[in-house]
Amino acid sequence: MGWAIIPIILEFFGIAAAIHAVLSVRTDRGTIAWCIALISLPFFALPFYVVFGRTRFDSYRRAIREAQDNHEDQIIEIRKRLDPFRVSFDENPGAPEAVLEKLSPYRFTSGNKVRLLVDGEETFEAIFKGIEVARHYILVQFYTIEDDALGRRLRDALLERARAGVSVRVLYDEIGSSGLTDSYIETLVEGGVAVGEFGTQARRASRFEVNFRNHRKIVIVDGRVAFVGGHNVSDEYLGKSEWAGPWRDTHLRIEGPAVKHCQMVFMGDWYWTKGDLPEFDWEIPESDLDAIDSQALLVLPSGPSQKVEICSLAYIALINSARERCWIASPYFVPDEAILSALKFAALRGVDVRIMIPAKRDHWLVWLAAYSFLEEMDEAGVRMLRYTKGFLHQKTFLVDRFLAGVGTANLDQRSFRLNFEVNVIGSGGPMVDDVERMFVADFENCLPAPGSEFSGRSFWFRLMVRVARLFAPVL
């Protein structure tokens, strides 16, 4: 009698979880899939739903609300200081920039200087030079930090600044940096560096929130310089990986008011992890107002703590605004139906749509899933291109001649729904020209990826591709 009641209990919890899925899962397909699995196979489906069924990071949202309530005066003062740099789109509320601003807690600011950093050597040399001249504080946040040659170089550079009296904070993701050694962390802490782990070890975390990731990569020096982009701290990002060879990635070096917005993104992540708000520099030099090479920038953070899917909506807005061209580079191409429709419709109305993805693979399932989209992209006129000179890891885009972006978000459903990401978008200015030149150079190292790459393969390969696509929501 005792054992006989277990299936009944499991079915009860399966039905309860299915009701929860109906009320909370964001996509219709996901809801249907979860309901069928939870009701028909509750023994197998329930553990997976507990980990992978969550779509909102509620503890993070509560922490940010708490920080805003406790530090409201400070936040108001910061915004007042940034107001003189705001770029107004009031006369053109339908402009893509105005739409993107509605998705961000921040606004486009002028007075910024931007340098495009192409590949690992240029990126990390710029970061280390910035760290070397730090006088007050350094904020470091990466998804992945490895205890290898590059990781130890970063550790030693931070320890040297800490010995010089500079306040240093390091934040890393629990899953992305799962290989980081205890000795690495202990050495930083013993050297006076404050270290935070974004994950289930954080003060507010739940063990069931392990499926969420903080995928942001931000370095800030003295509140005056910020680095944002696709690089993590690992030797493979310097092209030293045997399987990948050269590593193609992109970062930004930013000076100006937009640095303060990057700093606010870090501040929120740090507060959720550690529960304190350190003193940062919020002063903005008056000279930034008259910068000759001023670049209008928008910092666009996104994540599962938000009520709407900021990242996917931003991509839809960008794609729909394109009239001449829409070029996107991403290592992973597993979009949802809304993004797919926007891309196909843009191509059908005559926009030059190009999606650059890697020829090499690092994650089997994601690499396979991308094949399933090639045929429908080809039929709609979207040009899919495979980058062949090493592994492509950059997350960049270019729309017409007025919008360009560099950040951490991939063109996949994990970045749209499960990861904390940050993109920096430039309106006009030198950034658009630099990103255009970069894309043109990258296209020289690409080969077409037509629909026949999928339709011309064997039955078993196509079957594996279709199965891989079923996992798209959690890839």
Protein backbone atom coordinates (compact mmCIF):
# COMPACT_ATOMS: atom_id res chain seq x y z
CA MET A 1 0.00 0.00 0.00
CA GLY A 2 2.84 2.37 0.88
CA TRP A 3 4.64 1.97 -2.44
CA ALA A 4 1.42 2.12 -4.41
CA ILE A 5 0.73 5.69 -3.34
CA ILE A 6 4.06 7.01 -4.71
CA PRO A 7 2.88 7.19 -8.37
CA ILE A 8 -0.24 9.04 -7.21
CA ILE A 9 1.88 11.57 -5.29
CA LEU A 10 4.21 12.02 -8.27
CA GLU A 11 1.25 12.53 -10.60
CA PHE A 12 -0.16 15.13 -8.22
CA PHE A 13 3.11 17.07 -8.20
CA GLY A 14 3.39 16.62 -11.96
CA ILE A 15 -0.02 18.20 -12.49
CA ALA A 16 0.82 20.99 -10.05
CA ALA A 17 4.07 21.67 -11.92
CA ALA A 18 2.19 21.63 -15.23
CA ILE A 19 -0.19 24.29 -13.89
CA HIS A 20 2.86 26.31 -12.84
CA ALA A 21 4.27 25.94 -16.36
CA VAL A 22 1.03 27.23 -17.89
CA LEU A 23 1.23 30.30 -15.67
CA SER A 24 4.95 31.04 -16.00
CA VAL A 25 6.71 29.52 -19.03
CA ARG A 26 7.16 32.24 -21.63
CA THR A 27 6.70 30.30 -24.88
CA ASP A 28 3.68 28.30 -26.04
CA ARG A 29 5.84 25.46 -27.35
CA GLY A 30 7.77 25.28 -24.11
CA THR A 31 4.56 25.23 -22.09
CA ILE A 32 3.07 22.40 -24.15
CA ALA A 33 6.28 20.35 -23.99
CA TRP A 34 6.56 20.73 -20.22
CA CYS A 35 2.90 19.92 -19.62
CA ILE A 36 3.03 16.72 -21.67
CA ALA A 37 6.23 15.58 -19.95
CA LEU A 38 5.14 16.50 -16.43
CA ILE A 39 1.75 14.80 -16.67
CA SER A 40 2.82 11.69 -18.59
CA LEU A 41 6.28 11.13 -17.07
CA PRO A 42 6.41 13.01 -13.75
CA PHE A 43 9.14 10.78 -12.28
CA PHE A 44 11.60 11.87 -15.00
CA ALA A 45 10.26 15.33 -15.81
CA LEU A 46 9.91 16.85 -12.32
CA PRO A 47 13.66 17.07 -11.50
CA PHE A 48 14.35 18.64 -14.90
CA TYR A 49 11.52 21.14 -14.49
CA VAL A 50 12.78 22.23 -11.07
CA VAL A 51 16.15 23.13 -12.62
CA PHE A 52 15.33 24.07 -16.22
CA GLY A 53 11.70 25.17 -16.02
CA ARG A 54 12.36 28.42 -14.19
CA THR A 55 12.33 31.46 -16.48
CA ARG A 56 12.60 34.30 -13.96
CA PHE A 57 15.35 35.06 -11.50
CA ASP A 58 13.11 36.44 -8.75
CA SER A 59 15.77 36.70 -6.05
CA TYR A 60 17.81 39.05 -8.25
CA ARG A 61 14.79 41.25 -8.93
CA ARG A 62 14.06 41.50 -5.21
CA ALA A 63 17.67 42.42 -4.48
CA ILE A 64 17.68 45.22 -7.06
CA ARG A 65 14.40 46.57 -5.73
CA GLU A 66 15.87 46.54 -2.24
CA ALA A 67 18.99 48.37 -3.42
CA GLN A 68 16.87 50.99 -5.17
CA ASP A 69 14.76 51.53 -2.06
CA ASN A 70 17.75 51.76 0.29
CA HIS A 71 19.83 53.99 -1.97
CA GLU A 72 17.17 56.01 -3.79
CA ASP A 73 18.81 59.38 -3.11
CA GLN A 74 22.15 58.19 -4.45
CA ILE A 75 20.59 56.77 -7.62
CA ILE A 76 18.66 60.00 -8.26
CA GLU A 77 21.87 61.99 -7.86
CA ILE A 78 23.72 59.73 -10.32
CA ARG A 79 21.00 60.19 -12.92
CA LYS A 80 21.07 63.96 -12.48
CA ARG A 81 24.79 63.99 -13.20
CA LEU A 82 24.22 62.04 -16.41
CA ASP A 83 21.31 64.18 -17.66
CA PRO A 84 23.53 66.78 -19.42
CA PHE A 85 24.93 64.01 -21.62
CA ARG A 86 21.61 62.55 -22.67
CA VAL A 87 20.92 62.36 -26.41
CA SER A 88 17.30 63.33 -27.02
CA PHE A 89 15.06 61.54 -29.52
CA ASP A 90 11.91 63.37 -28.44
CA GLU A 91 11.39 64.81 -31.91
CA ASN A 92 11.49 61.35 -33.48
CA PRO A 93 9.87 58.92 -31.01
CA GLY A 94 9.73 56.21 -33.65
CA ALA A 95 13.49 56.20 -34.20
CA PRO A 96 15.20 52.86 -33.46
CA GLU A 97 17.27 54.57 -30.76
CA ALA A 98 14.13 55.77 -29.00
CA VAL A 99 12.69 52.24 -29.08
CA LEU A 100 15.93 50.74 -27.72
CA GLU A 101 15.97 53.29 -24.89
CA LYS A 102 12.58 52.02 -23.74
CA LEU A 103 14.14 48.59 -23.26
CA SER A 104 17.06 49.87 -21.17
CA PRO A 105 17.11 51.47 -17.72
CA TYR A 106 19.60 53.93 -19.23
CA ARG A 107 19.64 56.45 -22.08
CA PHE A 108 21.92 57.21 -25.01
CA THR A 109 24.69 59.53 -23.86
CA SER A 110 27.08 61.71 -25.84
CA GLY A 111 30.65 62.59 -24.92
CA ASN A 112 31.93 59.02 -25.20
CA LYS A 113 35.13 57.82 -26.81
CA VAL A 114 35.19 54.28 -28.15
CA ARG A 115 37.98 52.05 -29.36
CA LEU A 116 37.18 48.77 -31.08
CA LEU A 117 39.42 45.96 -29.79
CA VAL A 118 39.78 43.11 -32.25
CA ASP A 119 40.88 39.73 -30.88
CA GLY A 120 42.53 38.72 -27.64
CA GLU A 121 46.00 40.22 -27.82
CA GLU A 122 44.72 43.75 -28.47
CA THR A 123 41.92 43.38 -25.94
CA PHE A 124 43.93 42.12 -23.00
CA GLU A 125 46.86 44.45 -23.63
CA ALA A 126 44.40 47.34 -23.40
CA ILE A 127 42.83 45.88 -20.24
CA PHE A 128 46.20 45.34 -18.55
CA LYS A 129 47.32 48.86 -19.43
CA GLY A 130 44.13 50.16 -17.85
CA ILE A 131 44.69 48.10 -14.70
CA GLU A 132 48.29 49.26 -14.48
CA VAL A 133 47.32 52.93 -14.18
CA ALA A 134 44.40 52.40 -11.78
CA ARG A 135 44.60 54.69 -8.75
CA HIS A 136 41.33 54.22 -6.87
CA TYR A 137 39.44 51.05 -7.79
CA ILE A 138 39.15 48.23 -10.31
CA LEU A 139 35.98 46.25 -11.04
CA VAL A 140 36.41 42.95 -12.88
CA GLN A 141 33.56 40.73 -14.04
CA PHE A 142 33.87 37.72 -16.35
CA TYR A 143 31.75 34.69 -17.12
CA THR A 144 34.86 32.50 -17.30
CA ILE A 145 38.15 32.94 -15.50
CA GLU A 146 40.69 30.14 -15.90
CA ASP A 147 43.72 29.41 -13.75
CA ASP A 148 46.04 29.41 -16.76
CA ALA A 149 48.75 31.78 -18.02
CA LEU A 150 46.30 34.60 -18.88
CA GLY A 151 44.31 34.07 -15.70
CA ARG A 152 47.43 34.20 -13.55
CA ARG A 153 48.60 37.32 -15.35
CA LEU A 154 45.29 38.97 -14.49
CA ARG A 155 45.54 37.75 -10.88
CA ASP A 156 49.06 39.12 -10.47
CA ALA A 157 48.15 42.47 -12.04
CA LEU A 158 45.21 42.84 -9.65
CA LEU A 159 47.31 41.83 -6.64
CA GLU A 160 49.94 44.41 -7.55
CA ARG A 161 47.31 47.16 -7.63
CA ALA A 162 45.79 45.92 -4.36
CA ARG A 163 49.21 46.19 -2.70
CA ALA A 164 49.38 49.76 -3.99
CA GLY A 165 46.18 50.58 -2.10
CA VAL A 166 43.73 50.26 -5.01
CA SER A 167 40.36 48.72 -4.13
CA VAL A 168 39.85 45.63 -6.31
CA ARG A 169 36.66 43.60 -6.80
CA VAL A 170 36.34 40.45 -8.89
CA LEU A 171 33.04 38.81 -9.82
CA TYR A 172 32.78 35.54 -11.77
CA ASP A 173 30.02 33.11 -12.72
CA GLU A 174 29.74 29.87 -10.78
CA ILE A 175 29.15 27.68 -13.86
CA GLY A 176 31.30 29.54 -16.37
CA SER A 177 34.25 29.50 -13.96
CA SER A 178 33.61 26.03 -12.53
CA GLY A 179 37.21 25.06 -13.29
CA LEU A 180 38.69 27.96 -11.31
CA THR A 181 40.89 26.56 -8.54
CA ASP A 182 40.43 27.28 -4.85
CA SER A 183 44.08 28.35 -4.63
CA TYR A 184 43.51 31.04 -7.26
CA ILE A 185 40.62 32.52 -5.29
CA GLU A 186 42.44 32.20 -1.96
CA THR A 187 45.47 34.02 -3.35
CA LEU A 188 43.28 36.92 -4.45
CA VAL A 189 41.47 37.12 -1.11
CA GLU A 190 44.71 36.91 0.88
CA GLY A 191 46.06 39.74 -1.28
CA GLY A 192 43.19 42.04 -0.33
CA VAL A 193 40.95 41.49 -3.36
CA ALA A 194 37.20 41.21 -2.73
CA VAL A 195 35.84 38.21 -4.65
CA GLY A 196 32.23 37.33 -5.43
CA GLU A 197 30.77 34.22 -7.06
CA PHE A 198 27.56 34.76 -9.03
CA GLY A 199 25.59 31.56 -8.51
CA THR A 200 24.02 29.32 -5.94
CA GLN A 201 26.71 30.21 -3.38
CA ALA A 202 25.54 33.82 -3.30
CA ARG A 203 23.66 35.09 -0.26
CA ARG A 204 20.21 35.15 -1.91
CA ALA A 205 20.54 32.23 -4.28
CA SER A 206 18.43 29.12 -4.52
CA ARG A 207 19.94 25.77 -5.42
CA PHE A 208 17.26 25.56 -8.11
CA GLU A 209 18.56 28.68 -9.91
CA VAL A 210 21.61 26.91 -11.29
CA ASN A 211 20.31 27.16 -14.87
CA PHE A 212 20.76 30.94 -14.90
CA ARG A 213 24.14 32.37 -15.85
CA ASN A 214 25.83 35.74 -15.54
CA HIS A 215 27.41 35.98 -18.97
CA ARG A 216 28.61 39.58 -18.66
CA LYS A 217 32.23 40.64 -19.21
CA ILE A 218 32.99 44.06 -17.74
CA VAL A 219 36.19 45.70 -16.50
CA ILE A 220 36.06 49.23 -15.05
CA VAL A 221 39.03 51.33 -13.97
CA ASP A 222 38.45 54.25 -11.60
CA GLY A 223 35.00 54.85 -13.09
CA ARG A 224 36.70 56.47 -16.10
CA VAL A 225 37.38 53.55 -18.47
CA ALA A 226 35.25 50.47 -19.19
CA PHE A 227 35.89 47.35 -21.24
CA VAL A 228 32.90 45.33 -22.51
CA GLY A 229 32.65 42.55 -25.07
CA GLY A 230 32.94 38.86 -25.84
CA HIS A 231 36.29 37.86 -24.32
CA ASN A 232 36.68 35.72 -21.23
CA VAL A 233 39.88 35.15 -19.27
CA SER A 234 41.40 32.03 -20.78
CA ASP A 235 44.40 31.23 -22.96
CA GLU A 236 42.10 30.05 -25.74
CA TYR A 237 40.91 33.66 -26.14
CA LEU A 238 44.49 34.46 -27.15
CA GLY A 239 44.33 31.82 -29.88
CA LYS A 240 46.26 29.21 -27.90
CA SER A 241 43.65 26.46 -28.11
CA GLU A 242 44.61 23.38 -30.11
CA TRP A 243 41.05 22.63 -31.19
CA ALA A 244 40.10 26.21 -32.14
CA GLY A 245 43.30 27.78 -33.39
CA PRO A 246 42.92 31.55 -33.87
CA TRP A 247 40.12 33.00 -31.71
CA ARG A 248 38.00 35.70 -33.35
CA ASP A 249 36.42 37.99 -30.78
CA THR A 250 35.64 41.66 -30.20
CA HIS A 251 35.66 44.01 -27.23
CA LEU A 252 35.15 47.75 -26.66
CA ARG A 253 37.21 50.25 -24.69
CA ILE A 254 34.94 53.08 -23.53
CA GLU A 255 35.57 56.47 -21.94
CA GLY A 256 32.83 58.91 -21.02
CA PRO A 257 29.38 58.90 -19.42
CA ALA A 258 28.54 55.39 -20.70
CA VAL A 259 31.18 54.06 -18.29
CA LYS A 260 28.90 55.07 -15.42
CA HIS A 261 26.10 52.96 -16.88
CA CYS A 262 28.46 49.97 -17.16
CA GLN A 263 29.37 50.64 -13.54
CA MET A 264 25.70 50.55 -12.52
CA VAL A 265 25.32 47.15 -14.21
CA PHE A 266 28.26 45.82 -12.19
CA MET A 267 26.88 47.45 -9.06
CA GLY A 268 23.60 45.52 -9.36
CA ASP A 269 25.35 42.18 -9.86
CA TRP A 270 27.71 42.84 -6.96
CA TYR A 271 24.86 43.83 -4.64
CA TRP A 272 22.92 40.65 -5.40
CA THR A 273 26.03 38.56 -4.78
CA LYS A 274 27.56 40.28 -1.75
CA GLY A 275 24.88 42.56 -0.31
CA ASP A 276 26.87 45.81 -0.24
CA LEU A 277 27.23 48.87 -2.46
CA PRO A 278 30.82 50.11 -2.52
CA GLU A 279 31.71 53.75 -3.04
CA PHE A 280 32.28 54.43 -6.73
CA ASP A 281 33.24 57.57 -8.63
CA TRP A 282 30.24 59.16 -10.33
CA GLU A 283 31.87 62.46 -11.36
CA ILE A 284 31.97 63.11 -15.11
CA PRO A 285 34.67 65.40 -16.54
CA GLU A 286 33.21 68.49 -18.21
CA SER A 287 35.58 67.95 -21.12
CA ASP A 288 33.47 64.97 -22.18
CA LEU A 289 30.72 67.33 -23.33
CA ASP A 290 32.98 68.79 -26.00
CA ALA A 291 34.72 65.60 -27.11
CA ILE A 292 35.68 65.94 -30.78
CA ASP A 293 35.13 62.26 -31.54
CA SER A 294 32.04 62.01 -29.34
CA GLN A 295 30.15 58.76 -29.71
CA ALA A 296 26.52 58.31 -28.70
CA LEU A 297 26.23 55.08 -26.72
CA LEU A 298 23.50 53.06 -25.04
CA VAL A 299 24.31 50.42 -22.42
CA LEU A 300 21.65 47.71 -22.66
CA PRO A 301 21.67 45.11 -19.85
CA SER A 302 19.30 42.16 -20.02
CA GLY A 303 18.52 39.11 -17.94
CA PRO A 304 15.98 36.70 -16.48
CA SER A 305 15.12 39.07 -13.65
CA GLN A 306 13.26 41.35 -16.07
CA LYS A 307 9.55 40.97 -16.79
CA VAL A 308 10.04 41.18 -20.55
CA GLU A 309 12.68 39.58 -22.76
CA ILE A 310 14.83 42.67 -23.30
CA CYS A 311 17.51 40.99 -25.38
CA SER A 312 15.24 39.39 -27.96
CA LEU A 313 13.06 42.50 -28.20
CA ALA A 314 16.16 44.61 -28.86
CA TYR A 315 17.22 42.31 -31.70
CA ILE A 316 13.71 42.41 -33.17
CA ALA A 317 13.72 46.22 -33.01
CA LEU A 318 17.13 46.37 -34.70
CA ILE A 319 16.21 43.90 -37.45
CA ASN A 320 12.87 45.59 -38.15
CA SER A 321 14.54 49.01 -38.37
CA ALA A 322 16.97 47.87 -41.09
CA ARG A 323 16.40 49.30 -44.56
CA GLU A 324 19.70 48.57 -46.32
CA ARG A 325 21.62 45.99 -44.32
CA CYS A 326 21.57 43.95 -41.15
CA TRP A 327 24.80 42.12 -40.38
CA ILE A 328 25.08 39.94 -37.27
CA ALA A 329 27.96 37.84 -35.95
CA SER A 330 27.33 35.21 -33.28
CA PRO A 331 29.04 31.95 -32.31
CA TYR A 332 25.65 30.36 -31.62
CA PHE A 333 22.61 30.63 -33.89
CA VAL A 334 19.58 29.15 -32.14
CA PRO A 335 16.98 31.96 -32.41
CA ASP A 336 13.33 31.83 -31.45
CA GLU A 337 10.43 32.14 -33.89
CA ALA A 338 10.12 35.91 -33.47
CA ILE A 339 13.76 36.51 -34.41
CA LEU A 340 13.52 34.06 -37.30
CA SER A 341 10.46 35.82 -38.68
CA ALA A 342 12.09 39.24 -38.35
CA LEU A 343 15.22 38.07 -40.19
CA LYS A 344 13.27 36.44 -43.01
CA PHE A 345 10.92 39.40 -43.41
CA ALA A 346 13.88 41.81 -43.55
CA ALA A 347 15.48 39.77 -46.32
CA LEU A 348 12.20 39.54 -48.23
CA ARG A 349 11.81 43.32 -48.22
CA GLY A 350 15.28 43.69 -49.80
CA VAL A 351 17.56 44.19 -46.79
CA ASP A 352 21.05 42.70 -47.07
CA VAL A 353 20.83 40.25 -44.16
CA ARG A 354 23.99 38.34 -43.30
CA ILE A 355 24.50 36.07 -40.32
CA MET A 356 28.10 35.07 -39.60
CA ILE A 357 28.57 31.90 -37.56
CA PRO A 358 31.61 29.71 -36.92
CA ALA A 359 32.71 26.84 -39.13
CA LYS A 360 34.31 25.17 -36.11
CA ARG A 361 32.28 23.86 -33.19
CA ASP A 362 32.76 24.11 -29.45
CA HIS A 363 29.36 22.89 -28.22
CA TRP A 364 27.95 19.93 -30.16
CA LEU A 365 24.26 20.48 -29.50
CA VAL A 366 24.34 24.19 -30.35
CA TRP A 367 26.42 23.56 -33.46
CA LEU A 368 24.01 20.87 -34.64
CA ALA A 369 20.90 22.92 -33.86
CA ALA A 370 22.13 25.76 -36.09
CA TYR A 371 21.97 23.47 -39.13
CA SER A 372 18.21 23.18 -38.74
CA PHE A 373 17.76 26.85 -39.65
CA LEU A 374 19.91 26.95 -42.78
CA GLU A 375 17.24 25.82 -45.24
CA GLU A 376 14.55 28.31 -44.22
CA MET A 377 17.11 31.13 -44.04
CA ASP A 378 18.32 30.30 -47.53
CA GLU A 379 14.79 30.22 -48.94
CA ALA A 380 14.03 33.67 -47.51
CA GLY A 381 17.23 35.21 -48.89
CA VAL A 382 19.18 35.46 -45.64
CA ARG A 383 22.88 34.91 -46.30
CA MET A 384 24.36 32.51 -43.77
CA LEU A 385 28.17 32.61 -43.66
CA ARG A 386 30.66 30.38 -41.87
CA TYR A 387 33.81 32.01 -40.52
CA THR A 388 36.76 29.73 -41.36
CA LYS A 389 39.83 31.46 -39.88
CA GLY A 390 39.65 29.95 -36.40
CA PHE A 391 36.70 30.02 -34.02
CA LEU A 392 34.24 32.92 -34.23
CA HIS A 393 33.10 34.04 -30.76
CA GLN A 394 32.26 37.73 -31.24
CA LYS A 395 28.75 39.08 -30.61
CA THR A 396 28.40 42.10 -32.88
CA PHE A 397 25.88 43.67 -35.25
CA LEU A 398 25.55 46.47 -37.78
CA VAL A 399 22.27 48.01 -38.99
CA ASP A 400 22.31 50.29 -42.05
CA ARG A 401 24.79 53.12 -41.49
CA PHE A 402 23.62 54.34 -38.12
CA LEU A 403 23.62 51.55 -35.51
CA ALA A 404 26.35 49.16 -34.37
CA GLY A 405 26.68 46.97 -31.31
CA VAL A 406 29.24 44.94 -29.39
CA GLY A 407 28.42 42.89 -26.34
CA THR A 408 28.02 39.55 -24.65
CA ALA A 409 24.68 38.26 -26.00
CA ASN A 410 24.59 35.41 -28.49
CA LEU A 411 21.82 34.96 -31.02
CA ASP A 412 20.31 32.10 -29.05
CA GLN A 413 17.50 31.50 -26.61
CA ARG A 414 19.80 31.12 -23.62
CA SER A 415 21.03 34.69 -24.08
CA PHE A 416 17.47 35.86 -24.69
CA ARG A 417 15.90 34.24 -21.62
CA LEU A 418 18.37 32.68 -19.18
CA ASN A 419 21.59 34.70 -19.16
CA PHE A 420 22.46 38.07 -17.71
CA GLU A 421 23.97 39.95 -20.66
CA VAL A 422 25.09 43.45 -21.58
CA ASN A 423 25.38 45.02 -25.03
CA VAL A 424 26.73 48.44 -25.93
CA ILE A 425 25.03 50.09 -28.92
CA GLY A 426 26.48 53.01 -30.85
CA SER A 427 24.39 55.47 -32.85
CA GLY A 428 26.32 56.96 -35.76
CA GLY A 429 29.83 58.21 -35.10
CA PRO A 430 33.17 56.44 -35.53
CA MET A 431 31.96 53.20 -33.95
CA VAL A 432 29.66 52.42 -36.89
CA ASP A 433 32.51 52.96 -39.37
CA ASP A 434 34.89 50.80 -37.35
CA VAL A 435 32.39 47.94 -37.01
CA GLU A 436 31.65 48.12 -40.74
CA ARG A 437 35.35 47.80 -41.62
CA MET A 438 35.64 44.89 -39.18
CA PHE A 439 32.70 43.03 -40.75
CA VAL A 440 34.02 43.55 -44.27
CA ALA A 441 37.40 42.12 -43.25
CA ASP A 442 35.73 39.15 -41.54
CA PHE A 443 33.59 38.36 -44.59
CA GLU A 444 36.83 37.76 -46.51
CA ASN A 445 37.38 34.74 -44.27
CA CYS A 446 33.88 33.29 -44.70
CA LEU A 447 32.28 30.63 -46.88
CA PRO A 448 28.55 30.44 -47.72
CA ALA A 449 26.39 28.15 -45.58
CA PRO A 450 23.47 27.35 -47.92
CA GLY A 451 20.43 25.24 -47.10
CA SER A 452 22.02 22.27 -48.82
CA GLU A 453 24.41 21.97 -45.87
CA PHE A 454 21.40 20.52 -44.07
CA SER A 455 19.20 19.03 -46.80
CA GLY A 456 22.15 17.35 -48.52
CA ARG A 457 23.31 15.47 -45.44
CA SER A 458 22.43 11.93 -44.41
CA PHE A 459 19.15 10.97 -42.73
CA TRP A 460 20.88 10.30 -39.41
CA PHE A 461 22.64 13.68 -39.43
CA ARG A 462 19.36 15.47 -40.16
CA LEU A 463 17.67 13.52 -37.39
CA MET A 464 20.37 14.55 -34.89
CA VAL A 465 19.99 18.15 -36.02
CA ARG A 466 16.23 18.08 -35.44
CA VAL A 467 16.65 16.47 -32.03
CA ALA A 468 19.24 19.11 -31.09
CA ARG A 469 16.77 21.83 -32.09
CA LEU A 470 14.27 20.48 -29.57
CA PHE A 471 16.67 21.55 -26.83
CA ALA A 472 16.87 25.11 -28.21
CA PRO A 473 15.19 26.79 -25.20
CA VAL A 474 17.96 25.67 -22.82
CA LEU A 475 21.02 25.58 -25.12
